Amino acid sequence: MTGLFVTFEGGDGVGKSTQAALLQEWLQGRGREVVRTREPGGTDVGERIRDIVLHYRGHVDPRAEALLYAADRAHHVATIVRPALARDAVVIQDRYLDSSVAYQGVGRVLDADEVRGLSLWATGGLLPDVTVLLDLDEASARHRLEADDKPFDRLEAEKADFHARVRAAFLALASAEPGRFLVVDAAQPIDEIAAQVRTRVAERLT
């Protein structure tokens, strides 16, 4: 594969979609083909799974939830991500396997290593070239979500201790793989965050 795979991670409300859009605009201005996508979702199959994992109001067993995310990821990588990388496109993706480790592995108190292994099996071992972790304390992130005045999905609606575990998990993942992760303070102005992201991505462009 000759393209570049960039993922955005972090808790809900940290600004992943905004920064993904700004990076897409910058890359397209440089003449690169960009495929922007998200998980869960990104495909017809994925959108059906997304509706279950984020909007189903009944109980979903944590292991079943982890398997649903892995199923979405397997189909998404096979049909969207790998073909785009093979034609030298830059894939910008909102969430990937690190979210499963943080949310299902640590947030749901499953075995984080098993959740990671499940995703690696589902994707044939594909890891991003760059993972941007937008870090923000959970209270500030919750305030942003509430300001949007939209109904919370199943994960957004979890209690503060859940989101604290998720944030700690993301930071631990970044500490373990500093070569892949760029950790950015999401409380900074949007333009400053975008500049830091562009600098890291530019280092990896050929």
N, C-alpha and C. Protein backbone atom coordinates (compact mmCIF):
# COMPACT_ATOMS: atom_id res chain seq x y z
N MET A 1 0.84 -1.20 0.00
CA MET A 1 0.00 0.00 0.00
C MET A 1 0.87 1.24 0.00
N THR A 2 0.46 2.24 -0.77
CA THR A 2 1.28 3.43 -0.93
C THR A 2 0.61 4.71 -0.44
N GLY A 3 -0.63 4.62 -0.02
CA GLY A 3 -1.32 5.81 0.47
C GLY A 3 -0.94 6.13 1.91
N LEU A 4 -1.74 6.99 2.54
CA LEU A 4 -1.51 7.38 3.93
C LEU A 4 -2.82 7.22 4.69
N PHE A 5 -2.73 6.59 5.85
CA PHE A 5 -3.90 6.30 6.67
C PHE A 5 -3.82 7.14 7.94
N VAL A 6 -4.73 8.11 8.08
CA VAL A 6 -4.74 9.02 9.22
C VAL A 6 -6.05 8.84 9.98
N THR A 7 -5.94 8.62 11.28
CA THR A 7 -7.15 8.47 12.09
C THR A 7 -7.19 9.56 13.16
N PHE A 8 -8.42 9.94 13.53
CA PHE A 8 -8.65 10.89 14.61
C PHE A 8 -9.33 10.15 15.75
N GLU A 9 -8.79 10.31 16.95
CA GLU A 9 -9.32 9.65 18.13
C GLU A 9 -9.54 10.67 19.25
N GLY A 10 -10.27 10.22 20.26
CA GLY A 10 -10.54 11.06 21.42
C GLY A 10 -11.96 10.85 21.89
N GLY A 11 -12.28 11.43 23.03
CA GLY A 11 -13.61 11.31 23.58
C GLY A 11 -14.64 12.05 22.75
N ASP A 12 -15.89 11.85 23.07
CA ASP A 12 -16.97 12.54 22.37
C ASP A 12 -16.91 14.02 22.69
N GLY A 13 -17.04 14.86 21.65
CA GLY A 13 -17.06 16.30 21.85
C GLY A 13 -15.72 16.99 21.75
N VAL A 14 -14.66 16.28 21.34
CA VAL A 14 -13.33 16.90 21.31
C VAL A 14 -13.03 17.64 20.00
N GLY A 15 -13.86 17.45 18.97
CA GLY A 15 -13.65 18.18 17.71
C GLY A 15 -13.03 17.37 16.60
N LYS A 16 -13.21 16.05 16.62
CA LYS A 16 -12.61 15.21 15.58
C LYS A 16 -13.13 15.54 14.19
N SER A 17 -14.43 15.71 14.06
CA SER A 17 -15.02 15.98 12.74
C SER A 17 -14.52 17.30 12.16
N THR A 18 -14.41 18.30 13.01
CA THR A 18 -13.92 19.60 12.55
C THR A 18 -12.50 19.50 12.03
N GLN A 19 -11.63 18.83 12.78
CA GLN A 19 -10.23 18.72 12.37
C GLN A 19 -10.07 17.81 11.16
N ALA A 20 -10.88 16.77 11.05
CA ALA A 20 -10.82 15.91 9.87
C ALA A 20 -11.18 16.69 8.62
N ALA A 21 -12.20 17.55 8.72
CA ALA A 21 -12.62 18.36 7.57
C ALA A 21 -11.53 19.36 7.17
N LEU A 22 -10.87 19.97 8.15
CA LEU A 22 -9.81 20.93 7.85
C LEU A 22 -8.61 20.24 7.20
N LEU A 23 -8.27 19.06 7.69
CA LEU A 23 -7.16 18.31 7.09
C LEU A 23 -7.50 17.89 5.67
N GLN A 24 -8.73 17.46 5.45
CA GLN A 24 -9.16 17.09 4.10
C GLN A 24 -9.02 18.27 3.15
N GLU A 25 -9.48 19.44 3.56
CA GLU A 25 -9.39 20.63 2.72
C GLU A 25 -7.94 20.97 2.38
N TRP A 26 -7.07 20.87 3.36
CA TRP A 26 -5.65 21.18 3.15
C TRP A 26 -5.01 20.19 2.18
N LEU A 27 -5.28 18.92 2.35
CA LEU A 27 -4.69 17.90 1.49
C LEU A 27 -5.20 18.01 0.06
N GLN A 28 -6.47 18.26 -0.09
CA GLN A 28 -7.02 18.41 -1.44
C GLN A 28 -6.43 19.65 -2.12
N GLY A 29 -6.14 20.66 -1.34
CA GLY A 29 -5.48 21.83 -1.89
C GLY A 29 -4.08 21.54 -2.39
N ARG A 30 -3.47 20.50 -1.86
CA ARG A 30 -2.15 20.05 -2.31
C ARG A 30 -2.23 19.03 -3.45
N GLY A 31 -3.43 18.77 -3.93
CA GLY A 31 -3.62 17.86 -5.05
C GLY A 31 -3.74 16.40 -4.70
N ARG A 32 -3.94 16.07 -3.41
CA ARG A 32 -4.06 14.67 -3.04
C ARG A 32 -5.51 14.21 -3.06
N GLU A 33 -5.71 12.97 -3.51
CA GLU A 33 -7.03 12.36 -3.36
C GLU A 33 -7.24 12.03 -1.89
N VAL A 34 -8.38 12.42 -1.36
CA VAL A 34 -8.70 12.16 0.05
C VAL A 34 -10.00 11.37 0.14
N VAL A 35 -9.98 10.32 0.91
CA VAL A 35 -11.18 9.57 1.25
C VAL A 35 -11.43 9.80 2.73
N ARG A 36 -12.52 10.48 3.04
CA ARG A 36 -12.86 10.76 4.43
C ARG A 36 -14.01 9.86 4.86
N THR A 37 -13.82 9.19 5.97
CA THR A 37 -14.80 8.20 6.39
C THR A 37 -14.86 8.14 7.91
N ARG A 38 -15.64 7.22 8.42
CA ARG A 38 -15.82 7.15 9.87
C ARG A 38 -16.16 5.74 10.30
N GLU A 39 -15.94 5.49 11.58
CA GLU A 39 -16.41 4.26 12.22
C GLU A 39 -17.12 4.62 13.52
N PRO A 40 -18.18 3.88 13.84
CA PRO A 40 -18.82 2.89 12.98
C PRO A 40 -19.54 3.58 11.82
N GLY A 41 -19.73 2.84 10.76
CA GLY A 41 -20.36 3.40 9.57
C GLY A 41 -19.40 3.41 8.41
N GLY A 42 -19.64 4.29 7.46
CA GLY A 42 -18.76 4.40 6.31
C GLY A 42 -19.15 3.53 5.14
N THR A 43 -20.00 2.53 5.39
CA THR A 43 -20.52 1.66 4.34
C THR A 43 -22.00 1.41 4.65
N ASP A 44 -22.72 0.84 3.69
CA ASP A 44 -24.13 0.52 3.94
C ASP A 44 -24.28 -0.46 5.10
N VAL A 45 -23.42 -1.47 5.10
CA VAL A 45 -23.44 -2.44 6.20
C VAL A 45 -23.08 -1.74 7.52
N GLY A 46 -22.05 -0.90 7.46
CA GLY A 46 -21.61 -0.20 8.65
C GLY A 46 -22.66 0.73 9.23
N GLU A 47 -23.43 1.37 8.38
CA GLU A 47 -24.46 2.28 8.89
C GLU A 47 -25.54 1.52 9.65
N ARG A 48 -25.84 0.28 9.23
CA ARG A 48 -26.80 -0.53 9.96
C ARG A 48 -26.24 -0.92 11.33
N ILE A 49 -24.95 -1.27 11.34
CA ILE A 49 -24.32 -1.60 12.62
C ILE A 49 -24.24 -0.37 13.51
N ARG A 50 -23.94 0.79 12.93
CA ARG A 50 -23.88 2.04 13.69
C ARG A 50 -25.21 2.31 14.41
N ASP A 51 -26.29 2.06 13.71
CA ASP A 51 -27.59 2.32 14.31
C ASP A 51 -27.81 1.45 15.54
N ILE A 52 -27.29 0.23 15.51
CA ILE A 52 -27.44 -0.66 16.67
C ILE A 52 -26.55 -0.19 17.82
N VAL A 53 -25.25 -0.01 17.55
CA VAL A 53 -24.31 0.23 18.65
C VAL A 53 -24.46 1.62 19.26
N LEU A 54 -24.99 2.58 18.50
CA LEU A 54 -25.10 3.93 19.04
C LEU A 54 -26.53 4.33 19.42
N HIS A 55 -27.52 3.71 18.80
CA HIS A 55 -28.88 4.22 19.00
C HIS A 55 -29.89 3.20 19.54
N TYR A 56 -29.52 1.92 19.60
CA TYR A 56 -30.42 0.95 20.19
C TYR A 56 -30.56 1.24 21.68
N ARG A 57 -31.78 1.33 22.18
CA ARG A 57 -32.00 1.78 23.55
C ARG A 57 -32.09 0.64 24.56
N GLY A 58 -32.06 -0.57 24.09
CA GLY A 58 -32.05 -1.70 25.02
C GLY A 58 -30.63 -2.06 25.42
N HIS A 59 -30.51 -3.10 26.23
CA HIS A 59 -29.20 -3.55 26.68
C HIS A 59 -28.48 -4.30 25.56
N VAL A 60 -27.18 -4.02 25.39
CA VAL A 60 -26.31 -4.77 24.49
C VAL A 60 -25.15 -5.28 25.33
N ASP A 61 -24.96 -6.57 25.37
CA ASP A 61 -23.87 -7.14 26.14
C ASP A 61 -22.54 -6.56 25.67
N PRO A 62 -21.62 -6.20 26.56
CA PRO A 62 -20.35 -5.60 26.15
C PRO A 62 -19.57 -6.41 25.12
N ARG A 63 -19.57 -7.73 25.26
CA ARG A 63 -18.85 -8.55 24.27
C ARG A 63 -19.54 -8.50 22.91
N ALA A 64 -20.85 -8.50 22.92
CA ALA A 64 -21.58 -8.37 21.66
C ALA A 64 -21.28 -7.01 21.02
N GLU A 65 -21.23 -5.97 21.84
CA GLU A 65 -20.91 -4.64 21.33
C GLU A 65 -19.53 -4.62 20.68
N ALA A 66 -18.54 -5.23 21.34
CA ALA A 66 -17.19 -5.28 20.78
C ALA A 66 -17.17 -6.03 19.46
N LEU A 67 -17.93 -7.11 19.37
CA LEU A 67 -17.97 -7.89 18.13
C LEU A 67 -18.66 -7.11 17.01
N LEU A 68 -19.68 -6.35 17.34
CA LEU A 68 -20.35 -5.53 16.32
C LEU A 68 -19.39 -4.49 15.75
N TYR A 69 -18.64 -3.82 16.62
CA TYR A 69 -17.66 -2.86 16.13
C TYR A 69 -16.60 -3.53 15.26
N ALA A 70 -16.16 -4.72 15.65
CA ALA A 70 -15.16 -5.43 14.86
C ALA A 70 -15.71 -5.85 13.50
N ALA A 71 -16.98 -6.25 13.45
CA ALA A 71 -17.60 -6.61 12.18
C ALA A 71 -17.67 -5.41 11.24
N ASP A 72 -18.09 -4.29 11.79
CA ASP A 72 -18.11 -3.05 11.01
C ASP A 72 -16.73 -2.74 10.47
N ARG A 73 -15.72 -2.87 11.34
CA ARG A 73 -14.34 -2.51 10.96
C ARG A 73 -13.80 -3.44 9.88
N ALA A 74 -14.09 -4.72 9.98
CA ALA A 74 -13.61 -5.66 8.98
C ALA A 74 -14.14 -5.32 7.60
N HIS A 75 -15.44 -5.07 7.50
CA HIS A 75 -16.05 -4.74 6.21
C HIS A 75 -15.57 -3.39 5.69
N HIS A 76 -15.45 -2.45 6.58
CA HIS A 76 -15.03 -1.10 6.22
C HIS A 76 -13.62 -1.08 5.66
N VAL A 77 -12.70 -1.75 6.33
CA VAL A 77 -11.31 -1.79 5.87
C VAL A 77 -11.20 -2.51 4.53
N ALA A 78 -11.93 -3.61 4.41
CA ALA A 78 -11.84 -4.40 3.17
C ALA A 78 -12.42 -3.67 1.97
N THR A 79 -13.47 -2.90 2.17
CA THR A 79 -14.18 -2.30 1.03
C THR A 79 -13.88 -0.82 0.79
N ILE A 80 -13.41 -0.11 1.81
CA ILE A 80 -13.16 1.32 1.67
C ILE A 80 -11.68 1.67 1.87
N VAL A 81 -11.12 1.28 3.00
CA VAL A 81 -9.79 1.76 3.38
C VAL A 81 -8.68 1.15 2.52
N ARG A 82 -8.62 -0.16 2.47
CA ARG A 82 -7.52 -0.77 1.70
C ARG A 82 -7.55 -0.41 0.21
N PRO A 83 -8.71 -0.43 -0.45
CA PRO A 83 -8.72 0.00 -1.85
C PRO A 83 -8.24 1.44 -2.04
N ALA A 84 -8.60 2.33 -1.13
CA ALA A 84 -8.16 3.72 -1.24
C ALA A 84 -6.65 3.84 -1.06
N LEU A 85 -6.11 3.15 -0.08
CA LEU A 85 -4.67 3.19 0.13
C LEU A 85 -3.91 2.60 -1.06
N ALA A 86 -4.49 1.56 -1.67
CA ALA A 86 -3.83 0.92 -2.79
C ALA A 86 -3.70 1.84 -4.00
N ARG A 87 -4.59 2.82 -4.11
CA ARG A 87 -4.49 3.76 -5.23
C ARG A 87 -3.83 5.08 -4.81
N ASP A 88 -3.13 5.06 -3.67
CA ASP A 88 -2.33 6.19 -3.20
C ASP A 88 -3.16 7.34 -2.65
N ALA A 89 -4.36 7.07 -2.23
CA ALA A 89 -5.18 8.11 -1.60
C ALA A 89 -4.78 8.27 -0.14
N VAL A 90 -5.15 9.42 0.42
CA VAL A 90 -5.03 9.63 1.86
C VAL A 90 -6.40 9.34 2.48
N VAL A 91 -6.44 8.41 3.41
CA VAL A 91 -7.67 8.09 4.12
C VAL A 91 -7.66 8.84 5.44
N ILE A 92 -8.69 9.65 5.66
CA ILE A 92 -8.88 10.36 6.92
C ILE A 92 -10.11 9.75 7.59
N GLN A 93 -9.89 9.18 8.76
CA GLN A 93 -10.97 8.42 9.38
C GLN A 93 -11.24 8.87 10.81
N ASP A 94 -12.51 9.08 11.10
CA ASP A 94 -12.97 9.41 12.44
C ASP A 94 -13.19 8.10 13.20
N ARG A 95 -12.27 7.78 14.10
CA ARG A 95 -12.24 6.58 14.94
C ARG A 95 -11.77 5.33 14.19
N TYR A 96 -11.06 4.49 14.95
CA TYR A 96 -10.59 3.21 14.42
C TYR A 96 -10.41 2.28 15.62
N LEU A 97 -9.50 1.37 15.56
CA LEU A 97 -9.41 0.33 16.59
C LEU A 97 -9.07 0.86 17.98
N ASP A 98 -8.36 2.01 18.03
CA ASP A 98 -8.04 2.56 19.35
C ASP A 98 -9.30 2.93 20.12
N SER A 99 -10.35 3.33 19.40
CA SER A 99 -11.61 3.62 20.07
C SER A 99 -12.21 2.36 20.68
N SER A 100 -12.09 1.24 20.00
CA SER A 100 -12.61 -0.01 20.58
C SER A 100 -11.84 -0.40 21.83
N VAL A 101 -10.51 -0.23 21.80
CA VAL A 101 -9.71 -0.54 22.99
C VAL A 101 -10.13 0.36 24.15
N ALA A 102 -10.31 1.66 23.86
CA ALA A 102 -10.64 2.61 24.92
C ALA A 102 -12.08 2.46 25.42
N TYR A 103 -13.03 2.35 24.50
CA TYR A 103 -14.44 2.32 24.89
C TYR A 103 -14.90 0.93 25.32
N GLN A 104 -14.67 -0.06 24.47
CA GLN A 104 -15.13 -1.40 24.82
C GLN A 104 -14.15 -2.11 25.76
N GLY A 105 -12.86 -1.97 25.50
CA GLY A 105 -11.88 -2.65 26.34
C GLY A 105 -11.81 -2.09 27.75
N VAL A 106 -11.60 -0.78 27.86
CA VAL A 106 -11.42 -0.15 29.17
C VAL A 106 -12.73 0.41 29.71
N GLY A 107 -13.47 1.14 28.86
CA GLY A 107 -14.73 1.71 29.32
C GLY A 107 -15.71 0.66 29.77
N ARG A 108 -15.84 -0.42 29.01
CA ARG A 108 -16.76 -1.50 29.36
C ARG A 108 -16.11 -2.54 30.28
N VAL A 109 -14.87 -2.33 30.61
CA VAL A 109 -14.11 -3.21 31.51
C VAL A 109 -14.02 -4.63 30.95
N LEU A 110 -13.72 -4.73 29.67
CA LEU A 110 -13.35 -5.99 29.06
C LEU A 110 -11.81 -6.06 29.04
N ASP A 111 -11.27 -7.12 28.48
CA ASP A 111 -9.82 -7.23 28.35
C ASP A 111 -9.37 -6.40 27.15
N ALA A 112 -8.63 -5.33 27.40
CA ALA A 112 -8.24 -4.41 26.33
C ALA A 112 -7.38 -5.09 25.28
N ASP A 113 -6.49 -5.99 25.72
CA ASP A 113 -5.63 -6.70 24.76
C ASP A 113 -6.46 -7.61 23.86
N GLU A 114 -7.47 -8.25 24.41
CA GLU A 114 -8.33 -9.11 23.60
C GLU A 114 -9.12 -8.28 22.59
N VAL A 115 -9.61 -7.11 23.01
CA VAL A 115 -10.36 -6.25 22.09
C VAL A 115 -9.45 -5.77 20.97
N ARG A 116 -8.24 -5.39 21.29
CA ARG A 116 -7.29 -4.96 20.27
C ARG A 116 -6.98 -6.11 19.31
N GLY A 117 -6.75 -7.29 19.87
CA GLY A 117 -6.46 -8.45 19.03
C GLY A 117 -7.61 -8.78 18.08
N LEU A 118 -8.83 -8.62 18.56
CA LEU A 118 -10.00 -8.86 17.72
C LEU A 118 -10.01 -7.91 16.52
N SER A 119 -9.73 -6.64 16.76
CA SER A 119 -9.71 -5.67 15.67
C SER A 119 -8.56 -5.91 14.70
N LEU A 120 -7.41 -6.29 15.23
CA LEU A 120 -6.28 -6.58 14.35
C LEU A 120 -6.58 -7.79 13.46
N TRP A 121 -7.24 -8.79 14.03
CA TRP A 121 -7.65 -9.93 13.21
C TRP A 121 -8.66 -9.49 12.16
N ALA A 122 -9.63 -8.67 12.56
CA ALA A 122 -10.67 -8.24 11.64
C ALA A 122 -10.13 -7.43 10.47
N THR A 123 -9.04 -6.72 10.68
CA THR A 123 -8.51 -5.83 9.65
C THR A 123 -7.24 -6.36 8.98
N GLY A 124 -6.87 -7.57 9.32
CA GLY A 124 -5.63 -8.10 8.75
C GLY A 124 -4.40 -7.37 9.25
N GLY A 125 -4.49 -6.81 10.46
CA GLY A 125 -3.32 -6.16 11.07
C GLY A 125 -3.07 -4.73 10.64
N LEU A 126 -4.03 -4.10 9.99
CA LEU A 126 -3.81 -2.75 9.48
C LEU A 126 -3.81 -1.72 10.62
N LEU A 127 -2.73 -0.95 10.72
CA LEU A 127 -2.63 0.15 11.67
C LEU A 127 -2.48 1.47 10.93
N PRO A 128 -2.95 2.57 11.50
CA PRO A 128 -2.80 3.88 10.84
C PRO A 128 -1.33 4.30 10.78
N ASP A 129 -1.04 5.15 9.82
CA ASP A 129 0.29 5.78 9.76
C ASP A 129 0.40 6.90 10.80
N VAL A 130 -0.68 7.63 10.97
CA VAL A 130 -0.75 8.72 11.95
C VAL A 130 -2.08 8.63 12.67
N THR A 131 -2.04 8.71 13.99
CA THR A 131 -3.25 8.79 14.79
C THR A 131 -3.21 10.07 15.61
N VAL A 132 -4.17 10.94 15.36
CA VAL A 132 -4.25 12.21 16.09
C VAL A 132 -5.22 12.01 17.26
N LEU A 133 -4.69 12.15 18.47
CA LEU A 133 -5.52 12.05 19.66
C LEU A 133 -5.82 13.46 20.16
N LEU A 134 -7.07 13.86 20.04
CA LEU A 134 -7.51 15.15 20.55
C LEU A 134 -7.93 14.95 22.00
N ASP A 135 -7.15 15.49 22.90
CA ASP A 135 -7.35 15.23 24.32
C ASP A 135 -8.03 16.40 25.00
N LEU A 136 -9.09 16.09 25.75
CA LEU A 136 -9.84 17.12 26.47
C LEU A 136 -10.45 16.47 27.71
N ASP A 137 -10.41 17.18 28.84
CA ASP A 137 -10.99 16.60 30.04
C ASP A 137 -12.48 16.35 29.82
N GLU A 138 -12.97 15.33 30.49
CA GLU A 138 -14.33 14.86 30.22
C GLU A 138 -15.40 15.90 30.56
N ALA A 139 -15.16 16.74 31.54
CA ALA A 139 -16.16 17.76 31.89
C ALA A 139 -16.31 18.79 30.77
N SER A 140 -15.19 19.22 30.20
CA SER A 140 -15.24 20.18 29.09
C SER A 140 -15.87 19.56 27.86
N ALA A 141 -15.53 18.29 27.60
CA ALA A 141 -16.12 17.60 26.45
C ALA A 141 -17.63 17.47 26.61
N ARG A 142 -18.09 17.14 27.82
CA ARG A 142 -19.52 17.03 28.07
C ARG A 142 -20.21 18.38 27.87
N HIS A 143 -19.57 19.46 28.29
CA HIS A 143 -20.15 20.79 28.11
C HIS A 143 -20.34 21.09 26.62
N ARG A 144 -19.38 20.70 25.80
CA ARG A 144 -19.50 20.91 24.35
C ARG A 144 -20.67 20.12 23.79
N LEU A 145 -20.81 18.88 24.23
CA LEU A 145 -21.91 18.05 23.73
C LEU A 145 -23.26 18.65 24.11
N GLU A 146 -23.36 19.11 25.34
CA GLU A 146 -24.62 19.69 25.80
C GLU A 146 -24.95 20.97 25.03
N ALA A 147 -23.91 21.72 24.64
CA ALA A 147 -24.12 22.95 23.88
C ALA A 147 -24.68 22.67 22.49
N ASP A 148 -24.42 21.45 21.95
CA ASP A 148 -24.94 21.10 20.63
C ASP A 148 -26.45 20.88 20.65
N ASP A 149 -26.99 20.64 21.83
CA ASP A 149 -28.44 20.47 22.00
C ASP A 149 -28.99 19.34 21.14
N LYS A 150 -28.23 18.21 21.11
CA LYS A 150 -28.69 17.03 20.38
C LYS A 150 -28.82 15.87 21.37
N PRO A 151 -29.70 14.92 21.10
CA PRO A 151 -29.81 13.76 21.98
C PRO A 151 -28.49 12.99 22.03
N PHE A 152 -28.11 12.52 23.21
CA PHE A 152 -26.89 11.73 23.35
C PHE A 152 -27.10 10.32 22.80
N ASP A 153 -26.06 9.76 22.17
CA ASP A 153 -26.13 8.36 21.77
C ASP A 153 -25.78 7.49 22.98
N ARG A 154 -25.73 6.17 22.77
CA ARG A 154 -25.53 5.24 23.89
C ARG A 154 -24.23 5.49 24.63
N LEU A 155 -23.16 5.81 23.92
CA LEU A 155 -21.87 6.02 24.57
C LEU A 155 -21.77 7.41 25.18
N GLU A 156 -22.26 8.41 24.47
CA GLU A 156 -22.25 9.77 25.01
C GLU A 156 -23.02 9.85 26.33
N ALA A 157 -24.05 9.03 26.46
CA ALA A 157 -24.92 9.07 27.64
C ALA A 157 -24.33 8.37 28.86
N GLU A 158 -23.16 7.73 28.69
CA GLU A 158 -22.55 7.05 29.84
C GLU A 158 -22.11 8.07 30.90
N LYS A 159 -21.93 7.59 32.13
CA LYS A 159 -21.60 8.46 33.25
C LYS A 159 -20.15 8.94 33.19
N ALA A 160 -19.84 9.92 34.04
CA ALA A 160 -18.53 10.57 34.01
C ALA A 160 -17.38 9.60 34.24
N ASP A 161 -17.56 8.60 35.12
CA ASP A 161 -16.46 7.68 35.39
C ASP A 161 -16.12 6.84 34.16
N PHE A 162 -17.12 6.51 33.35
CA PHE A 162 -16.88 5.80 32.09
C PHE A 162 -16.00 6.64 31.18
N HIS A 163 -16.35 7.91 31.02
CA HIS A 163 -15.59 8.78 30.12
C HIS A 163 -14.20 9.08 30.67
N ALA A 164 -14.05 9.09 31.98
CA ALA A 164 -12.72 9.26 32.57
C ALA A 164 -11.83 8.05 32.25
N ARG A 165 -12.39 6.85 32.32
CA ARG A 165 -11.63 5.64 31.96
C ARG A 165 -11.23 5.67 30.49
N VAL A 166 -12.15 6.11 29.65
CA VAL A 166 -11.87 6.17 28.21
C VAL A 166 -10.73 7.14 27.93
N ARG A 167 -10.78 8.32 28.54
CA ARG A 167 -9.71 9.30 28.32
C ARG A 167 -8.36 8.74 28.78
N ALA A 168 -8.33 8.14 29.96
CA ALA A 168 -7.08 7.57 30.47
C ALA A 168 -6.56 6.47 29.53
N ALA A 169 -7.47 5.69 28.98
CA ALA A 169 -7.07 4.62 28.06
C ALA A 169 -6.44 5.19 26.80
N PHE A 170 -7.04 6.24 26.24
CA PHE A 170 -6.47 6.86 25.04
C PHE A 170 -5.06 7.38 25.32
N LEU A 171 -4.88 8.04 26.45
CA LEU A 171 -3.56 8.59 26.78
C LEU A 171 -2.54 7.47 26.97
N ALA A 172 -2.96 6.36 27.55
CA ALA A 172 -2.05 5.23 27.71
C ALA A 172 -1.66 4.63 26.36
N LEU A 173 -2.62 4.54 25.45
CA LEU A 173 -2.32 4.04 24.11
C LEU A 173 -1.32 4.94 23.40
N ALA A 174 -1.50 6.24 23.53
CA ALA A 174 -0.59 7.19 22.89
C ALA A 174 0.80 7.10 23.49
N SER A 175 0.88 6.93 24.79
CA SER A 175 2.18 6.81 25.45
C SER A 175 2.92 5.55 25.00
N ALA A 176 2.18 4.50 24.71
CA ALA A 176 2.78 3.23 24.30
C ALA A 176 3.26 3.25 22.85
N GLU A 177 2.66 4.13 22.01
CA GLU A 177 3.04 4.19 20.59
C GLU A 177 3.27 5.64 20.16
N PRO A 178 4.30 6.29 20.69
CA PRO A 178 4.53 7.70 20.37
C PRO A 178 4.86 7.96 18.91
N GLY A 179 5.36 6.95 18.22
CA GLY A 179 5.68 7.13 16.81
C GLY A 179 4.45 7.25 15.94
N ARG A 180 3.36 6.65 16.37
CA ARG A 180 2.11 6.70 15.60
C ARG A 180 1.20 7.83 16.06
N PHE A 181 1.20 8.12 17.34
CA PHE A 181 0.25 9.08 17.89
C PHE A 181 0.80 10.51 17.91
N LEU A 182 -0.08 11.45 17.64
CA LEU A 182 0.14 12.87 17.92
C LEU A 182 -0.93 13.27 18.92
N VAL A 183 -0.52 13.64 20.13
CA VAL A 183 -1.47 14.07 21.16
C VAL A 183 -1.57 15.58 21.13
N VAL A 184 -2.78 16.08 20.98
CA VAL A 184 -3.01 17.52 20.86
C VAL A 184 -4.02 17.95 21.92
N ASP A 185 -3.72 19.06 22.58
CA ASP A 185 -4.65 19.63 23.55
C ASP A 185 -5.84 20.21 22.80
N ALA A 186 -6.99 19.58 22.96
CA ALA A 186 -8.18 19.98 22.20
C ALA A 186 -8.83 21.25 22.73
N ALA A 187 -8.29 21.81 23.81
CA ALA A 187 -8.80 23.07 24.32
C ALA A 187 -8.21 24.27 23.58
N GLN A 188 -7.21 24.03 22.75
CA GLN A 188 -6.59 25.10 21.97
C GLN A 188 -7.53 25.60 20.88
N PRO A 189 -7.25 26.80 20.32
CA PRO A 189 -8.04 27.27 19.18
C PRO A 189 -7.98 26.29 18.01
N ILE A 190 -9.05 26.24 17.26
CA ILE A 190 -9.16 25.28 16.15
C ILE A 190 -8.00 25.40 15.17
N ASP A 191 -7.62 26.61 14.81
CA ASP A 191 -6.56 26.81 13.83
C ASP A 191 -5.21 26.31 14.34
N GLU A 192 -4.97 26.47 15.63
CA GLU A 192 -3.70 25.99 16.19
C GLU A 192 -3.64 24.47 16.18
N ILE A 193 -4.75 23.85 16.48
CA ILE A 193 -4.80 22.39 16.42
C ILE A 193 -4.55 21.93 14.98
N ALA A 194 -5.23 22.56 14.04
CA ALA A 194 -5.09 22.18 12.62
C ALA A 194 -3.65 22.31 12.15
N ALA A 195 -2.95 23.32 12.59
CA ALA A 195 -1.56 23.52 12.19
C ALA A 195 -0.67 22.40 12.70
N GLN A 196 -0.90 21.96 13.93
CA GLN A 196 -0.12 20.86 14.48
C GLN A 196 -0.39 19.56 13.72
N VAL A 197 -1.65 19.35 13.37
CA VAL A 197 -2.01 18.14 12.61
C VAL A 197 -1.35 18.18 11.24
N ARG A 198 -1.41 19.31 10.56
CA ARG A 198 -0.80 19.43 9.23
C ARG A 198 0.70 19.16 9.28
N THR A 199 1.36 19.66 10.31
CA THR A 199 2.81 19.46 10.43
C THR A 199 3.14 17.98 10.51
N ARG A 200 2.40 17.25 11.34
CA ARG A 200 2.69 15.81 11.48
C ARG A 200 2.37 15.06 10.19
N VAL A 201 1.25 15.36 9.57
CA VAL A 201 0.88 14.65 8.35
C VAL A 201 1.85 14.97 7.22
N ALA A 202 2.30 16.22 7.13
CA ALA A 202 3.24 16.62 6.07
C ALA A 202 4.54 15.81 6.17
N GLU A 203 4.94 15.46 7.39
CA GLU A 203 6.15 14.67 7.58
C GLU A 203 6.03 13.29 6.97
N ARG A 204 4.81 12.79 6.85
CA ARG A 204 4.59 11.45 6.35
C ARG A 204 4.20 11.38 4.88
N LEU A 205 3.93 12.54 4.27
CA LEU A 205 3.55 12.55 2.87
C LEU A 205 4.76 12.32 1.99
N THR A 206 4.56 11.63 0.88
CA THR A 206 5.66 11.38 -0.05
C THR A 206 5.47 12.21 -1.30
